[in-house]
Protein backbone atom coordinates (compact mmCIF):
# COMPACT_ATOMS: atom_id res chain seq x y z
CA MET A 1 -41.40 -64.55 -142.16
CA ILE A 2 -40.27 -61.15 -142.30
CA THR A 3 -39.63 -58.91 -145.15
CA ILE A 4 -36.52 -56.61 -145.73
CA GLY A 5 -36.63 -54.42 -148.77
CA LEU A 6 -33.13 -54.43 -150.56
CA THR A 7 -32.37 -51.21 -153.14
CA TYR A 8 -31.53 -51.73 -156.40
CA TYR A 9 -28.39 -53.25 -157.47
CA LYS A 10 -27.65 -53.50 -161.47
CA LEU A 11 -25.69 -56.27 -161.12
CA GLU A 12 -27.96 -59.58 -160.68
CA HIS A 13 -24.90 -61.38 -159.63
CA LYS A 14 -23.88 -59.02 -157.02
CA LEU A 15 -27.44 -58.24 -156.06
CA GLN A 16 -27.41 -61.85 -155.19
CA ASN A 17 -24.74 -61.89 -152.98
CA TYR A 18 -26.92 -59.60 -150.06
CA VAL A 19 -30.51 -61.79 -150.97
CA LYS A 20 -28.85 -65.27 -150.04
CA TRP A 21 -26.58 -63.65 -146.89
CA LEU A 22 -29.86 -62.56 -145.38
CA GLU A 23 -32.50 -65.18 -146.55
CA GLU A 24 -29.55 -67.94 -144.81
CA VAL A 25 -31.24 -66.30 -141.73
CA GLU A 26 -34.57 -68.73 -141.93
CA GLY A 27 -37.76 -66.63 -141.46
CA VAL A 28 -36.75 -63.93 -144.74
CA LYS A 29 -37.44 -62.75 -146.90
CA VAL A 30 -36.34 -60.29 -149.89
CA LEU A 31 -38.49 -58.14 -151.85
CA ILE A 32 -36.30 -55.95 -153.73
CA LEU A 33 -37.00 -51.89 -154.09
CA ASP A 34 -36.24 -50.74 -157.35
CA TYR A 35 -36.61 -47.20 -159.10
CA ARG A 36 -37.21 -48.83 -162.98
CA ALA A 37 -39.99 -50.41 -160.92
CA ASN A 38 -41.07 -47.24 -158.97
CA ASN A 39 -42.43 -49.52 -156.26
CA LEU A 40 -42.11 -47.39 -153.36
CA LYS A 41 -44.87 -48.08 -151.97
CA ASP A 42 -43.72 -52.12 -151.25
CA VAL A 43 -41.82 -49.87 -148.02
CA GLU A 44 -44.82 -50.83 -146.25
CA VAL A 45 -44.75 -53.81 -146.13
CA CYS A 46 -40.69 -54.58 -145.24
CA GLN A 47 -39.85 -55.33 -142.40
CA GLY A 48 -36.23 -52.97 -142.56
CA ILE A 49 -33.98 -52.12 -145.55
CA VAL A 50 -30.93 -52.73 -146.35
CA PHE A 51 -29.68 -50.41 -148.76
CA SER A 52 -27.14 -51.82 -151.71
CA GLY A 53 -23.70 -50.43 -153.34
CA GLY A 54 -23.39 -49.49 -156.94
CA GLU A 55 -23.59 -46.47 -158.61
CA ASP A 56 -21.26 -42.93 -157.42
CA VAL A 57 -24.33 -41.25 -155.54
CA ASN A 58 -25.52 -37.81 -156.95
CA PRO A 59 -22.77 -34.56 -155.60
CA ALA A 60 -25.80 -32.47 -155.38
CA PHE A 61 -27.20 -34.06 -152.33
CA TYR A 62 -23.72 -32.56 -150.63
CA GLY A 63 -23.57 -29.46 -152.32
CA LYS A 64 -20.74 -30.42 -154.50
CA GLN A 65 -22.64 -30.08 -158.09
CA GLU A 66 -19.12 -29.00 -159.36
CA TYR A 67 -18.30 -32.63 -158.65
CA LEU A 68 -20.35 -33.45 -161.40
CA ASP A 69 -16.81 -32.54 -163.98
CA LYS A 70 -14.91 -34.49 -162.02
CA PRO A 71 -12.84 -37.40 -164.51
CA GLU A 72 -12.99 -39.49 -161.69
CA MET A 73 -16.43 -39.28 -160.79
CA GLY A 74 -18.04 -42.97 -162.10
CA THR A 75 -21.76 -43.10 -162.90
CA VAL A 76 -24.39 -42.01 -162.04
CA ASN A 77 -27.96 -42.52 -161.56
CA TYR A 78 -30.58 -40.19 -161.00
CA GLU A 79 -33.54 -41.79 -160.76
CA ARG A 80 -32.14 -44.73 -158.69
CA ASP A 81 -30.85 -41.29 -156.11
CA GLU A 82 -34.06 -40.11 -156.17
CA PHE A 83 -36.03 -43.31 -155.80
CA GLU A 84 -33.98 -44.13 -152.99
CA LYS A 85 -33.89 -40.43 -151.24
CA ALA A 86 -37.98 -41.89 -150.92
CA VAL A 87 -37.15 -44.09 -149.65
CA PHE A 88 -34.75 -43.72 -146.97
CA GLU A 89 -37.77 -40.66 -146.09
CA LYS A 90 -40.42 -43.42 -145.79
CA ALA A 91 -38.33 -46.10 -143.99
CA GLN A 92 -37.31 -43.47 -141.59
CA ASP A 93 -41.26 -42.61 -140.81
CA MET A 94 -42.31 -45.87 -140.62
CA LYS A 95 -39.07 -46.13 -138.17
CA LEU A 96 -38.22 -49.13 -139.71
CA PRO A 97 -33.87 -50.18 -139.22
CA ILE A 98 -31.90 -49.87 -141.76
CA LEU A 99 -28.74 -51.50 -142.83
CA GLY A 100 -26.39 -49.05 -145.50
CA ILE A 101 -24.22 -51.17 -147.66
CA CYS A 102 -20.88 -49.34 -149.57
CA ARG A 103 -22.64 -47.30 -151.82
CA GLY A 104 -25.63 -47.06 -149.07
CA GLN A 105 -22.83 -45.70 -146.27
CA GLN A 106 -21.81 -42.91 -148.73
CA LEU A 107 -26.24 -42.38 -149.81
CA ILE A 108 -27.39 -42.37 -146.23
CA ASN A 109 -24.83 -40.15 -145.68
CA ALA A 110 -25.02 -38.05 -148.03
CA LEU A 111 -28.97 -37.21 -147.34
CA MET A 112 -28.34 -36.51 -143.32
CA GLY A 113 -26.01 -33.45 -144.09
CA GLY A 114 -22.58 -34.81 -144.70
CA THR A 115 -20.01 -34.65 -147.51
CA LEU A 116 -18.79 -37.13 -149.58
CA TYR A 117 -15.20 -38.16 -151.59
CA TYR A 118 -15.37 -37.66 -154.93
CA ASP A 119 -12.58 -39.55 -155.73
CA LEU A 120 -9.89 -41.29 -152.87
CA ASN A 121 -6.57 -41.68 -155.16
CA ILE A 122 -7.34 -37.69 -155.83
CA GLN A 123 -8.61 -36.40 -153.03
CA GLN A 124 -6.87 -38.17 -150.36
CA PRO A 125 -3.54 -39.54 -152.75
CA THR A 126 -1.31 -41.28 -149.44
CA LEU A 127 -4.45 -43.13 -149.07
CA SER A 128 -3.15 -46.67 -149.44
CA ASN A 129 -5.83 -48.50 -152.75
CA HIS A 130 -9.49 -49.16 -151.14
CA SER A 131 -10.62 -50.13 -154.72
CA ALA A 132 -10.75 -53.45 -155.81
CA LEU A 133 -8.43 -55.15 -158.70
CA GLU A 134 -9.08 -56.47 -161.23
CA SER A 135 -13.42 -57.54 -159.68
CA VAL A 136 -11.68 -58.62 -156.83
CA ASP A 137 -12.12 -57.00 -153.60
CA GLU A 138 -9.41 -55.45 -151.73
CA GLN A 139 -8.72 -56.76 -147.84
CA HIS A 140 -7.37 -54.27 -144.95
CA HIS A 141 -7.69 -53.65 -141.18
CA VAL A 142 -10.33 -51.49 -139.71
CA ARG A 143 -10.77 -50.20 -135.87
CA ALA A 144 -13.76 -49.98 -134.19
CA ILE A 145 -13.63 -47.13 -132.12
CA ASP A 146 -13.92 -47.69 -128.23
CA ASN A 147 -17.65 -46.92 -127.10
CA THR A 148 -19.64 -47.78 -130.61
CA TYR A 149 -21.72 -50.05 -131.09
CA LEU A 150 -20.21 -51.86 -133.64
CA ALA A 151 -17.49 -52.35 -131.23
CA GLU A 152 -20.40 -53.75 -128.45
CA LEU A 153 -21.89 -55.76 -131.14
CA THR A 154 -18.64 -57.17 -132.30
CA ALA A 155 -17.16 -57.89 -129.42
CA SER A 156 -14.11 -56.83 -131.35
CA THR A 157 -11.58 -53.68 -131.17
CA SER A 158 -9.90 -54.90 -135.05
CA GLY A 159 -10.13 -57.57 -137.43
CA GLU A 160 -10.20 -57.68 -141.55
CA ILE A 161 -12.82 -56.02 -144.01
CA ASN A 162 -13.01 -56.51 -147.56
CA SER A 163 -13.13 -52.69 -149.69
CA ALA A 164 -13.84 -52.51 -152.90
CA HIS A 165 -14.81 -48.21 -153.69
CA HIS A 166 -12.75 -44.56 -154.70
CA GLN A 167 -15.25 -43.06 -153.10
CA SER A 168 -16.08 -42.59 -149.13
CA VAL A 169 -17.26 -40.33 -146.41
CA ASP A 170 -15.98 -37.10 -145.92
CA GLN A 171 -17.43 -35.35 -143.54
CA VAL A 172 -19.85 -37.55 -141.06
CA ALA A 173 -23.78 -35.96 -140.85
CA PRO A 174 -24.70 -34.54 -137.39
CA SER A 175 -26.82 -37.06 -135.62
CA LEU A 176 -24.29 -39.74 -137.20
CA GLN A 177 -20.85 -40.58 -135.63
CA ALA A 178 -17.97 -43.45 -137.60
CA ASN A 179 -18.25 -45.83 -135.29
CA SER A 180 -14.60 -47.33 -137.27
CA ILE A 181 -11.90 -46.43 -138.84
CA SER A 182 -9.25 -47.82 -141.17
CA ASN A 183 -5.58 -47.58 -140.93
CA ASP A 184 -5.18 -44.34 -143.29
CA GLY A 185 -7.64 -43.16 -142.21
CA ILE A 186 -11.01 -44.01 -143.87
CA ILE A 187 -14.62 -44.24 -142.53
CA GLU A 188 -15.70 -47.34 -142.40
CA GLY A 189 -18.47 -47.81 -140.59
CA LEU A 190 -21.18 -44.86 -139.21
CA GLU A 191 -24.50 -45.01 -136.50
CA TRP A 192 -26.21 -42.60 -134.51
CA LYS A 193 -24.82 -40.25 -132.63
CA ASP A 194 -27.32 -41.40 -129.90
CA ARG A 195 -29.06 -44.33 -130.30
CA ILE A 196 -32.02 -43.69 -128.23
CA GLY A 197 -35.89 -43.77 -128.53
CA LYS A 198 -34.39 -44.06 -132.06
CA PRO A 199 -34.69 -47.49 -134.98
CA PHE A 200 -31.27 -49.28 -135.55
CA LEU A 201 -29.41 -47.44 -137.99
CA LEU A 202 -25.43 -49.04 -138.65
CA CYS A 203 -23.57 -48.68 -141.73
CA THR A 204 -20.06 -49.96 -143.70
CA GLN A 205 -18.32 -49.56 -146.22
CA TRP A 206 -17.43 -52.52 -146.51
CA HIS A 207 -19.34 -55.58 -148.51
CA PRO A 208 -20.60 -58.29 -145.04
CA GLU A 209 -22.82 -59.77 -147.76
CA ARG A 210 -19.68 -61.29 -149.93
CA MET A 211 -16.96 -61.22 -147.46
CA ALA A 212 -14.59 -64.74 -148.03
CA GLU A 213 -15.61 -65.73 -143.80
CA ARG A 214 -18.60 -64.07 -143.40
CA ASN A 215 -20.08 -66.60 -141.67
CA SER A 216 -17.46 -66.46 -139.17
CA ASN A 217 -16.69 -62.58 -139.20
CA PRO A 218 -17.75 -60.78 -136.39
CA PHE A 219 -17.52 -57.90 -139.37
CA SER A 220 -20.46 -59.59 -141.07
CA TYR A 221 -22.50 -62.48 -139.29
CA LYS A 222 -22.49 -60.07 -136.30
CA ILE A 223 -24.16 -57.53 -138.10
CA ARG A 224 -25.88 -59.46 -139.38
CA GLU A 225 -28.07 -60.82 -136.27
CA ALA A 226 -28.09 -57.60 -134.76
CA PHE A 227 -30.15 -56.00 -138.20
CA ILE A 228 -32.50 -59.37 -138.36
CA GLU A 229 -32.78 -59.18 -134.83
CA SER A 230 -33.73 -55.28 -135.06
CA VAL A 231 -35.72 -55.86 -137.61
CA LYS A 232 -38.16 -58.64 -135.74
CA ALA A 233 -38.40 -57.03 -132.56
CA ASN A 234 -39.66 -53.78 -134.74
């Protein structure tokens, strides 16, 4: 049995999407890492970590405190941010495989020295909509960037993904690189710029855990497969 740490998501039905997606794999158990329980020590019994979606990341993490005054900023959960910062640092120290999803990608990029758009509709108004409409995910095309790990593991140059976000990666952290992009230029995924000697790290702006065709779409099941294999190898 392997244990995967999953960061807290305040909406229980969405949290369960992650749990079911991971525990569909035989021999996987999910442990919730929750700032309210302050169970940072539980990272020590995990073999991999998934950073889930949710609230906007504290812009102070990427040097843009002034964004807090913007009306378009969503809810910022400072306690969650600080707790998950500590989880990320501990996981890196332990060389654990990491998967970041939606907010998880944004948090990891910020913690590693990148920046975010605080609101795409304001800062990139010519783009198509990337937010969920009435709680239904948008669907759009994504292109896997040539010679990236994502392109390798999905064996796909492009595909269809879901979308439910109003923030996204702006400047990519120095040690990371974009691995996929939407038709209108939004960075949809991140990975190591140089993977040699480093633990698994893959981030997606989309939600592979709740895609309609998650068991047949390589931008869902191949990501889970690669993550779980890296966890077992670890």
